[in-house]
């Protein structure tokens, strides 16, 4: 069976004011073609389908078109050939994305409910196997079964009450009876979660009065989810040892590398889930979403070869920040999807996981830094058609900097200036202003000891590497006075 793993389409997203819809449409057209060429059985989209919980009409139309084409692919007998499974990420509205899910076509699965996490999507495919019995050719049918546990993004504050109820119902409320008290008086729950305040790993009661025995963290809710999933998978494997099982999750697994374009999901200052949460789960593959850089994640091995879980972030469909550019730069910025194939025993080996570059046509994202002569010379010749972020390094702000850079690059999306002259080395510079320019003085301290004009003068020195001239001082003073007038000071 072939599974295509993708995530983080962020349909509707803009980049530095540019509409990315054409590049997203081109990438999704390519994806539909890939599914047809490779005869993919299952497409898994692990969250952040949209960039906003309130997508535009054009964004909804684009997704509708892609899903219609994917679910409309048929096999040689005219039957639906592709199951599409989608989960919401932290950018999506689970309620809106999942609207009407039960009325959708049977091979489109929108898994947006926390209550469904331990009820996998079951995909079965019949395969013809040719062999020989003595001198006769023999053709038999083999049934392959895939269980996909599809987790919506688990916001700890939203998910904990539901998960707590599910654990109580699924495990017969046995977790609390198995708790033990450690030597230092802390309570240790059956799954090893320690409560520092002496309670049973619980720290809250939900608004409807349900006791929540799950820590308020991403690790806490994912651990609870994995207990439910693990129990269900063990039961299913006892009936079918060849069952292939995978998990779709939208989370930040500790140790993976983020980029500048993911929205923070920190709760209590912590946003990560340790990879050890997935160890020993029996899952064959972990299809991760949320981080935009394609990468492997190492799940600890518990000694059972079947229990070794391969885990990967597919990465986003397009690059959405300059931190996602490749070295050397390349069109498409190294974005990819993952094609996973099971073997005859239903297992997924590393050599059956292929990373396929996305064909989006998105220009290369490049960061360049140098003098005006460098940036308007050879660098411009090499990167004229790329999307560039430029940092000009000169002693003083160059005259006409923006205009000159725009003349050399078709898409200079970021333009900044970095003074090579340290403000505190300039003769006659006010001591307080020099401290501010070097970042040594706090703004609060600067405001106590200097006038507002001193503060903005220090900012000019810091950014331009020189004192403001008379005309600029006039503008600054006028701006300060206007702010006071508008605020009634």
Protein backbone atom coordinates (compact mmCIF):
# COMPACT_ATOMS: atom_id res chain seq x y z
CA UNK A 1 0.00 0.00 0.00
CA UNK A 2 1.22 3.50 -0.82
CA UNK A 3 0.64 6.44 1.51
CA UNK A 4 1.38 10.07 0.65
CA UNK A 5 2.20 12.20 3.71
CA UNK A 6 1.95 15.97 3.44
CA UNK A 7 1.05 18.85 5.75
CA UNK A 8 1.04 22.60 6.31
CA UNK A 9 -0.46 23.73 3.04
CA UNK A 10 -1.46 27.06 4.63
CA UNK A 11 -3.86 27.85 1.80
CA UNK A 12 -4.50 31.60 1.76
CA UNK A 13 -1.15 32.61 3.24
CA UNK A 14 0.71 35.66 1.98
CA UNK A 15 4.44 36.24 2.15
CA UNK A 16 5.77 39.78 2.59
CA UNK A 17 2.64 41.10 0.90
CA UNK A 18 2.78 38.64 -2.01
CA UNK A 19 -0.22 36.45 -2.82
CA UNK A 20 0.98 32.84 -2.90
CA UNK A 21 -2.22 31.37 -4.33
CA UNK A 22 -0.75 30.68 -7.78
CA UNK A 23 2.22 28.82 -6.31
CA UNK A 24 -0.03 26.86 -3.94
CA UNK A 25 -2.33 25.94 -6.83
CA UNK A 26 0.63 24.83 -8.94
CA UNK A 27 1.98 22.69 -6.08
CA UNK A 28 -1.40 21.08 -5.45
CA UNK A 29 -1.90 20.40 -9.17
CA UNK A 30 1.46 18.63 -9.11
CA UNK A 31 0.42 16.68 -5.99
CA UNK A 32 -2.75 15.39 -7.67
CA UNK A 33 -0.68 14.29 -10.66
CA UNK A 34 1.80 12.51 -8.37
CA UNK A 35 -1.01 10.61 -6.65
CA UNK A 36 -2.24 9.40 -10.04
CA UNK A 37 1.21 8.46 -11.39
CA UNK A 38 2.28 6.60 -8.26
CA UNK A 39 -1.13 4.96 -7.77
CA UNK A 40 -1.24 6.21 -4.19
CA UNK A 41 -3.83 4.57 -1.93
CA UNK A 42 -4.00 7.08 0.93
CA UNK A 43 -3.26 10.81 1.17
CA UNK A 44 -2.64 12.09 4.70
CA UNK A 45 -2.66 15.85 5.36
CA UNK A 46 -1.37 16.43 8.91
CA UNK A 47 -2.83 19.81 9.78
CA UNK A 48 -2.78 23.49 8.81
CA UNK A 49 -4.66 22.98 5.58
CA UNK A 50 -5.68 26.64 5.74
CA UNK A 51 -3.61 29.51 7.08
CA UNK A 52 -6.55 31.01 8.94
CA UNK A 53 -9.53 29.72 10.93
CA UNK A 54 -11.64 31.97 8.68
CA UNK A 55 -10.36 31.20 5.16
CA UNK A 56 -11.36 33.33 2.20
CA UNK A 57 -13.80 32.11 -0.43
CA UNK A 58 -10.95 31.63 -2.91
CA UNK A 59 -9.04 29.49 -0.37
CA UNK A 60 -12.09 27.30 0.21
CA UNK A 61 -12.57 26.96 -3.56
CA UNK A 62 -8.95 25.84 -4.01
CA UNK A 63 -9.22 23.17 -1.30
CA UNK A 64 -12.58 22.02 -2.66
CA UNK A 65 -11.10 21.63 -6.13
CA UNK A 66 -8.12 19.61 -4.88
CA UNK A 67 -10.21 17.29 -2.70
CA UNK A 68 -12.74 16.74 -5.48
CA UNK A 69 -9.97 15.69 -7.84
CA UNK A 70 -8.24 13.43 -5.32
CA UNK A 71 -11.37 11.64 -4.17
CA UNK A 72 -12.51 11.30 -7.79
CA UNK A 73 -9.53 9.16 -8.80
CA UNK A 74 -10.71 5.63 -9.62
CA UNK A 75 -9.11 2.22 -10.07
CA UNK A 76 -9.35 -0.07 -13.10
CA UNK A 77 -12.80 -1.20 -11.98
CA UNK A 78 -14.13 2.33 -11.63
CA UNK A 79 -14.12 2.34 -7.82
CA UNK A 80 -12.64 5.16 -5.68
CA UNK A 81 -8.91 4.48 -5.50
CA UNK A 82 -7.72 7.09 -2.99
CA UNK A 83 -8.69 7.71 0.63
CA UNK A 84 -7.95 11.26 1.77
CA UNK A 85 -7.49 11.87 5.50
CA UNK A 86 -7.26 15.43 6.85
CA UNK A 87 -6.71 16.69 10.38
CA UNK A 88 -6.85 20.32 11.57
CA UNK A 89 -3.72 22.08 12.78
CA UNK A 90 -3.31 25.05 15.09
CA UNK A 91 -4.08 27.46 12.22
CA UNK A 92 -7.32 25.71 11.26
CA UNK A 93 -10.72 25.88 12.88
CA UNK A 94 -11.50 22.25 13.70
CA UNK A 95 -15.22 23.05 13.83
CA UNK A 96 -15.32 24.76 10.45
CA UNK A 97 -12.97 22.32 8.72
CA UNK A 98 -14.97 19.38 10.05
CA UNK A 99 -18.41 20.77 9.20
CA UNK A 100 -20.46 18.13 7.42
CA UNK A 101 -17.70 15.51 7.78
CA UNK A 102 -20.24 12.71 8.24
CA UNK A 103 -22.01 13.68 5.02
CA UNK A 104 -18.87 13.71 2.86
CA UNK A 105 -18.03 11.06 0.28
CA UNK A 106 -16.91 7.79 1.91
CA UNK A 107 -13.26 8.15 0.89
CA UNK A 108 -12.83 11.66 2.35
CA UNK A 109 -12.15 11.58 6.09
CA UNK A 110 -12.09 14.88 7.99
CA UNK A 111 -10.96 13.86 11.46
CA UNK A 112 -11.57 16.95 13.58
CA UNK A 113 -13.08 15.51 16.77
CA UNK A 114 -10.94 14.72 19.82
CA UNK A 115 -13.36 11.93 20.66
CA UNK A 116 -12.37 10.05 17.49
CA UNK A 117 -8.65 9.75 18.18
CA UNK A 118 -8.76 6.09 19.27
CA UNK A 119 -11.02 5.14 16.35
CA UNK A 120 -8.68 4.91 13.37
CA UNK A 121 -9.58 5.31 9.74
CA UNK A 122 -9.39 1.77 8.36
CA UNK A 123 -8.26 1.44 4.75
CA UNK A 124 -8.34 -1.94 3.01
CA UNK A 125 -7.00 -2.78 -0.40
CA UNK A 126 -7.15 -6.08 -2.30
CA UNK A 127 -4.00 -6.92 -4.22
CA UNK A 128 -3.54 -9.60 -6.83
CA UNK A 129 -0.52 -11.78 -6.12
CA UNK A 130 0.82 -13.97 -8.90
CA UNK A 131 2.67 -17.15 -8.07
CA UNK A 132 3.22 -20.72 -9.25
CA UNK A 133 1.95 -24.01 -7.91
CA UNK A 134 4.05 -26.71 -9.56
CA UNK A 135 3.61 -25.94 -13.28
CA UNK A 136 0.41 -23.88 -13.05
CA UNK A 137 0.21 -20.13 -12.72
CA UNK A 138 -1.81 -19.14 -9.67
CA UNK A 139 -3.40 -15.77 -8.93
CA UNK A 140 -4.64 -15.03 -5.42
CA UNK A 141 -6.03 -11.98 -3.66
CA UNK A 142 -4.34 -10.49 -0.62
CA UNK A 143 -6.05 -7.97 1.65
CA UNK A 144 -3.86 -5.23 3.08
CA UNK A 145 -5.18 -3.25 6.05
CA UNK A 146 -3.99 0.15 7.25
CA UNK A 147 -5.15 1.81 10.47
CA UNK A 148 -4.61 5.58 10.52
CA UNK A 149 -4.98 7.25 13.91
CA UNK A 150 -5.67 10.86 12.99
CA UNK A 151 -5.15 13.42 15.76
CA UNK A 152 -6.48 16.94 15.41
CA UNK A 153 -4.22 19.58 16.94
CA UNK A 154 -4.51 19.01 20.70
CA UNK A 155 -4.70 22.34 22.48
CA UNK A 156 -4.12 21.36 26.13
CA UNK A 157 -6.78 23.73 27.47
CA UNK A 158 -9.38 22.36 25.05
CA UNK A 159 -8.40 18.68 24.93
CA UNK A 160 -7.79 17.79 28.58
CA UNK A 161 -11.40 17.40 29.80
CA UNK A 162 -12.39 15.28 26.78
CA UNK A 163 -9.28 13.11 27.04
CA UNK A 164 -9.80 12.64 30.77
CA UNK A 165 -13.36 11.40 30.21
CA UNK A 166 -12.16 9.10 27.44
CA UNK A 167 -9.46 7.61 29.66
CA UNK A 168 -11.97 6.99 32.43
CA UNK A 169 -14.39 5.28 30.06
CA UNK A 170 -11.78 3.33 28.08
CA UNK A 171 -9.70 2.10 30.99
CA UNK A 172 -12.51 1.55 33.44
CA UNK A 173 -11.27 4.36 35.65
CA UNK A 174 -8.35 2.21 36.83
CA UNK A 175 -5.58 4.77 36.51
CA UNK A 176 -6.22 6.40 39.88
CA UNK A 177 -6.30 3.06 41.71
CA UNK A 178 -2.86 2.22 40.33
CA UNK A 179 -1.26 5.45 41.56
CA UNK A 180 1.54 5.16 44.11
CA UNK A 181 3.12 7.68 46.44
CA UNK A 182 6.85 8.26 46.10
CA UNK A 183 9.27 8.60 49.00
CA UNK A 184 9.06 12.38 48.88
CA UNK A 185 5.28 12.35 49.11
CA UNK A 186 4.50 13.12 45.48
CA UNK A 187 1.86 11.15 43.61
CA UNK A 188 3.00 9.10 40.63
CA UNK A 189 0.28 8.00 38.22
CA UNK A 190 0.19 4.70 36.37
CA UNK A 191 1.82 6.23 33.30
CA UNK A 192 4.66 7.75 35.29
CA UNK A 193 3.40 11.34 35.38
CA UNK A 194 4.43 12.99 38.62
CA UNK A 195 2.35 15.62 40.37
CA UNK A 196 4.55 18.03 42.33
CA UNK A 197 1.64 19.23 44.46
CA UNK A 198 0.63 15.77 45.63
CA UNK A 199 -2.39 15.36 43.38
CA UNK A 200 -2.84 12.51 40.93
CA UNK A 201 -1.07 14.14 37.99
CA UNK A 202 -4.13 16.39 37.82
CA UNK A 203 -4.12 20.12 38.18
CA UNK A 204 -7.56 21.36 37.24
CA UNK A 205 -11.29 20.86 37.12
CA UNK A 206 -13.03 21.71 33.86
CA UNK A 207 -15.87 24.21 33.62
CA UNK A 208 -18.45 21.40 33.68
CA UNK A 209 -17.01 19.93 36.85
CA UNK A 210 -15.10 17.02 35.31
CA UNK A 211 -11.87 16.29 37.14
CA UNK A 212 -8.91 16.54 34.78
CA UNK A 213 -6.10 14.11 35.62
CA UNK A 214 -3.87 15.25 32.77
CA UNK A 215 -1.11 17.89 33.10
CA UNK A 216 -1.72 21.19 31.31
CA UNK A 217 0.94 20.70 28.65
CA UNK A 218 1.39 19.35 25.14
CA UNK A 219 3.25 16.40 26.60
CA UNK A 220 0.36 15.73 28.97
CA UNK A 221 -2.36 15.61 26.32
CA UNK A 222 -0.21 13.67 23.83
CA UNK A 223 0.66 11.11 26.52
CA UNK A 224 -3.04 10.67 27.26
CA UNK A 225 -3.84 10.32 23.57
CA UNK A 226 -1.11 7.72 23.10
CA UNK A 227 -2.47 5.65 26.01
CA UNK A 228 -5.83 5.50 24.27
CA UNK A 229 -4.31 4.77 20.87
CA UNK A 230 -1.88 2.19 22.24
CA UNK A 231 -4.67 0.23 23.92
CA UNK A 232 -6.76 0.22 20.76
CA UNK A 233 -3.82 -0.79 18.56
CA UNK A 234 -2.84 -3.68 20.83
CA UNK A 235 -6.39 -5.02 20.61
CA UNK A 236 -6.43 -4.75 16.82
CA UNK A 237 -2.98 -6.33 16.45
CA UNK A 238 -4.10 -9.30 18.56
CA UNK A 239 -6.63 -9.97 15.81
CA UNK A 240 -4.41 -9.06 12.83
CA UNK A 241 -0.65 -9.19 13.37
CA UNK A 242 0.01 -7.82 9.87
CA UNK A 243 -1.99 -4.65 10.49
CA UNK A 244 -0.08 -1.53 9.44
CA UNK A 245 -0.60 1.39 11.82
CA UNK A 246 0.34 5.03 11.53
CA UNK A 247 -0.40 8.23 13.41
CA UNK A 248 -1.07 11.71 12.05
CA UNK A 249 -0.17 14.41 14.58
CA UNK A 250 0.26 18.18 14.49
CA UNK A 251 2.81 18.92 17.20
CA UNK A 252 6.31 20.14 17.96
CA UNK A 253 8.36 17.07 18.83
CA UNK A 254 11.35 18.01 20.96
CA UNK A 255 14.65 17.87 19.08
CA UNK A 256 13.23 18.84 15.70
CA UNK A 257 14.26 22.12 14.07
CA UNK A 258 11.66 24.88 13.68
CA UNK A 259 11.74 27.80 11.24
CA UNK A 260 10.64 31.43 11.55
CA UNK A 261 7.20 30.80 10.05
CA UNK A 262 5.50 28.50 12.57
CA UNK A 263 3.09 30.08 15.01
CA UNK A 264 4.07 29.37 18.61
CA UNK A 265 1.92 26.81 20.43
CA UNK A 266 3.60 27.15 23.82
CA UNK A 267 1.51 26.49 26.92
CA UNK A 268 3.09 27.44 30.21
CA UNK A 269 6.23 28.37 28.29
CA UNK A 270 6.63 24.84 26.88
CA UNK A 271 5.65 23.88 23.33
CA UNK A 272 7.39 20.53 22.82
CA UNK A 273 6.42 16.88 23.08
CA UNK A 274 9.31 14.48 23.87
CA UNK A 275 9.82 11.84 21.19
CA UNK A 276 9.77 9.23 23.94
CA UNK A 277 6.00 9.70 24.23
CA UNK A 278 5.70 7.65 21.01
CA UNK A 279 8.18 4.91 21.99
CA UNK A 280 6.80 1.39 22.26
CA UNK A 281 3.48 2.43 20.73
CA UNK A 282 3.61 -0.21 18.00
CA UNK A 283 3.06 2.41 15.33
CA UNK A 284 4.86 1.86 12.04
CA UNK A 285 4.98 5.48 10.92
CA UNK A 286 4.37 8.87 12.50
CA UNK A 287 3.18 11.45 9.93
CA UNK A 288 3.99 14.76 11.57
CA UNK A 289 2.84 18.27 10.78
CA UNK A 290 3.46 21.77 12.24
CA UNK A 291 7.17 22.29 11.57
CA UNK A 292 7.83 23.60 8.07
CA UNK A 293 11.30 22.12 7.57
CA UNK A 294 11.25 18.52 6.19
CA UNK A 295 13.12 16.30 8.65
CA UNK A 296 13.33 12.96 10.40
CA UNK A 297 12.56 12.61 14.09
CA UNK A 298 14.20 9.85 16.14
CA UNK A 299 11.77 7.89 18.29
CA UNK A 300 13.58 5.88 21.01
CA UNK A 301 13.79 2.14 20.37
CA UNK A 302 12.30 0.00 23.13
CA UNK A 303 13.94 -3.18 21.82
CA UNK A 304 11.00 -4.56 19.88
CA UNK A 305 11.81 -4.41 16.16
CA UNK A 306 8.15 -4.14 15.23
CA UNK A 307 7.75 -1.29 17.73
CA UNK A 308 10.40 0.91 16.11
CA UNK A 309 8.45 3.90 14.81
CA UNK A 310 9.67 5.87 11.81
CA UNK A 311 8.73 9.53 12.24
CA UNK A 312 9.01 12.41 9.82
CA UNK A 313 7.86 15.96 9.27
CA UNK A 314 6.81 16.31 5.64
CA UNK A 315 7.37 20.06 5.88
CA UNK A 316 5.19 22.78 4.40
CA UNK A 317 3.97 22.93 0.81
CA UNK A 318 5.85 26.21 0.18
CA UNK A 319 8.51 28.18 2.02
CA UNK A 320 6.90 30.83 4.22
CA UNK A 321 9.98 32.50 5.70
CA UNK A 322 13.53 33.30 4.64
CA UNK A 323 14.79 30.80 7.22
CA UNK A 324 13.45 28.05 4.92
CA UNK A 325 15.68 28.89 1.97
CA UNK A 326 18.18 26.29 0.73
CA UNK A 327 21.94 26.49 0.30
CA UNK A 328 22.62 26.70 -2.57
CA UNK A 329 19.33 28.42 -3.43
CA UNK A 330 16.87 26.39 -5.48
CA UNK A 331 13.43 27.03 -6.95
CA UNK A 332 10.86 25.38 -4.69
CA UNK A 333 13.14 25.84 -1.66
CA UNK A 334 13.58 22.13 -1.00
CA UNK A 335 9.97 21.51 -0.02
CA UNK A 336 8.78 17.92 -0.25
CA UNK A 337 6.12 15.31 0.36
CA UNK A 338 6.74 11.82 1.72
CA UNK A 339 5.76 8.65 -0.13
CA UNK A 340 5.56 5.66 2.21
CA UNK A 341 5.13 2.08 1.02
CA UNK A 342 4.39 -1.02 3.09
CA UNK A 343 6.09 -4.36 2.49
CA UNK A 344 4.47 -7.79 2.20
CA UNK A 345 4.25 -8.09 5.99
CA UNK A 346 2.62 -4.70 6.41
CA UNK A 347 5.76 -3.08 7.79
CA UNK A 348 7.37 0.20 6.80
CA UNK A 349 11.15 0.09 6.44
CA UNK A 350 13.35 3.19 6.02
CA UNK A 351 14.17 2.22 2.44
CA UNK A 352 10.45 2.33 1.64
CA UNK A 353 10.14 5.99 2.61
CA UNK A 354 10.80 8.33 -0.33
CA UNK A 355 11.11 12.10 -0.11
CA UNK A 356 9.81 13.74 -3.30
CA UNK A 357 10.49 17.45 -4.04
CA UNK A 358 7.38 19.59 -4.52
CA UNK A 359 7.12 21.30 -7.90
CA UNK A 360 5.61 24.68 -7.04
CA UNK A 361 7.73 27.13 -9.01
CA UNK A 362 8.14 29.27 -5.90
CA UNK A 363 11.27 31.42 -6.42
CA UNK A 364 14.31 30.68 -4.29
CA UNK A 365 14.36 32.54 -0.96
CA UNK A 366 17.79 34.08 -0.34
CA UNK A 367 19.35 36.18 2.41
CA UNK A 368 22.16 38.48 1.25
CA UNK A 369 24.40 40.72 3.32
CA UNK A 370 27.09 43.11 2.16
CA UNK A 371 28.07 46.60 1.12
CA UNK A 372 26.07 48.52 -1.47
CA UNK A 373 28.79 47.81 -4.02
CA UNK A 374 28.54 44.08 -3.36
CA UNK A 375 24.75 43.94 -3.28
CA UNK A 376 24.33 45.97 -6.46
CA UNK A 377 27.16 44.17 -8.24
CA UNK A 378 27.87 40.43 -8.52
CA UNK A 379 25.27 39.42 -5.93
CA UNK A 380 22.52 41.11 -7.91
CA UNK A 381 23.61 39.36 -11.10
CA UNK A 382 23.27 35.95 -9.41
CA UNK A 383 19.98 36.55 -7.58
CA UNK A 384 18.07 39.07 -9.67
CA UNK A 385 14.96 36.85 -9.99
CA UNK A 386 15.04 35.31 -6.51
CA UNK A 387 13.00 36.52 -3.56
CA UNK A 388 15.66 38.24 -1.47
CA UNK A 389 16.19 39.65 2.00
CA UNK A 390 18.93 42.29 1.87
CA UNK A 391 21.07 43.67 4.68
CA UNK A 392 23.24 46.64 3.67
CA UNK A 393 26.40 47.08 5.75
CA UNK A 394 27.92 50.56 5.51
CA UNK A 395 29.30 53.15 7.95
CA UNK A 396 26.39 55.46 7.13
CA UNK A 397 22.99 55.05 5.54
CA UNK A 398 23.50 55.10 1.75
CA UNK A 399 21.65 57.75 -0.21
CA UNK A 400 18.79 56.26 -2.24
CA UNK A 401 19.36 52.79 -0.79
CA UNK A 402 15.85 51.43 -1.35
CA UNK A 403 15.60 52.73 -4.91
CA UNK A 404 19.00 51.39 -5.91
CA UNK A 405 18.26 47.94 -4.49
CA UNK A 406 14.87 47.77 -6.18
CA UNK A 407 16.56 48.56 -9.49
CA UNK A 408 18.84 45.53 -9.08
CA UNK A 409 16.37 42.93 -7.77
CA UNK A 410 12.93 42.04 -9.08
CA UNK A 411 11.68 41.03 -5.62
CA UNK A 412 13.63 42.66 -2.79
CA UNK A 413 11.11 41.70 -0.11
CA UNK A 414 13.20 42.79 2.88
CA UNK A 415 15.67 45.67 2.90
CA UNK A 416 17.60 46.63 6.01
CA UNK A 417 20.60 48.68 7.04
CA UNK A 418 23.33 47.70 9.51
CA UNK A 419 25.82 50.38 10.50
CA UNK A 420 29.41 49.25 10.65
CA UNK A 421 30.29 52.21 12.88
CA UNK A 422 29.71 51.70 16.58
CA UNK A 423 27.77 54.64 17.94
CA UNK A 424 29.72 54.84 21.17
CA UNK A 425 32.98 55.35 19.26
CA UNK A 426 31.80 58.60 17.77
CA UNK A 427 33.35 61.71 19.32
CA UNK A 428 30.94 63.96 21.18
CA UNK A 429 28.17 61.39 21.29
CA UNK A 430 25.89 61.74 24.28
CA UNK A 431 26.70 58.98 26.78
CA UNK A 432 23.09 57.96 27.23
CA UNK A 433 22.48 57.89 23.50
CA UNK A 434 25.58 55.78 22.97
CA UNK A 435 24.37 53.28 25.55
CA UNK A 436 21.03 53.06 23.80
CA UNK A 437 22.68 52.57 20.42
CA UNK A 438 24.72 49.68 21.78
CA UNK A 439 21.66 48.17 23.43
CA UNK A 440 23.26 48.64 26.83
CA UNK A 441 20.63 50.86 28.41
CA UNK A 442 17.05 49.91 28.97
CA UNK A 443 14.43 52.09 27.35
CA UNK A 444 12.92 52.76 30.76
CA UNK A 445 16.23 54.05 32.09
CA UNK A 446 16.80 56.16 29.00
CA UNK A 447 13.40 57.81 29.34
CA UNK A 448 14.05 58.66 32.97
CA UNK A 449 17.31 60.45 32.23
CA UNK A 450 16.70 61.94 28.78
CA UNK A 451 14.08 63.82 26.83
CA UNK A 452 11.91 62.14 24.22
CA UNK A 453 13.96 63.84 21.53
CA UNK A 454 17.13 62.32 23.04
CA UNK A 455 15.54 58.88 22.79
CA UNK A 456 14.59 59.17 19.12
CA UNK A 457 17.98 60.74 18.33
CA UNK A 458 19.61 57.67 19.88
CA UNK A 459 17.45 55.48 17.66
CA UNK A 460 18.63 57.37 14.56
CA UNK A 461 22.26 56.91 15.64
CA UNK A 462 21.65 53.21 16.21
CA UNK A 463 19.97 52.57 12.86
CA UNK A 464 21.79 55.00 10.56
CA UNK A 465 25.18 55.19 12.23
CA UNK A 466 25.13 59.01 12.35
CA UNK A 467 23.45 61.90 14.12
CA UNK A 468 20.25 63.30 12.60
CA UNK A 469 20.72 66.52 10.67
CA UNK A 470 18.77 69.73 11.34
CA UNK A 471 15.92 68.89 8.97
CA UNK A 472 15.53 65.43 10.49
CA UNK A 473 15.53 66.89 14.00
CA UNK A 474 12.71 69.18 12.91
CA UNK A 475 10.68 66.21 11.68
CA UNK A 476 11.31 64.27 14.88
CA UNK A 477 10.31 67.17 17.13
CA UNK A 478 7.15 67.78 15.09
CA UNK A 479 6.22 64.10 15.37
CA UNK A 480 6.69 64.14 19.15
CA UNK A 481 4.51 67.21 19.52
CA UNK A 482 1.81 65.70 17.31
CA UNK A 483 1.66 62.56 19.44
CA UNK A 484 1.21 64.68 22.56
CA UNK A 485 -1.59 66.67 20.94
CA UNK A 486 -3.46 63.59 19.73
CA UNK A 487 -3.23 61.99 23.16
CA UNK A 488 -4.32 65.13 24.97
CA UNK A 489 -1.04 65.56 26.85
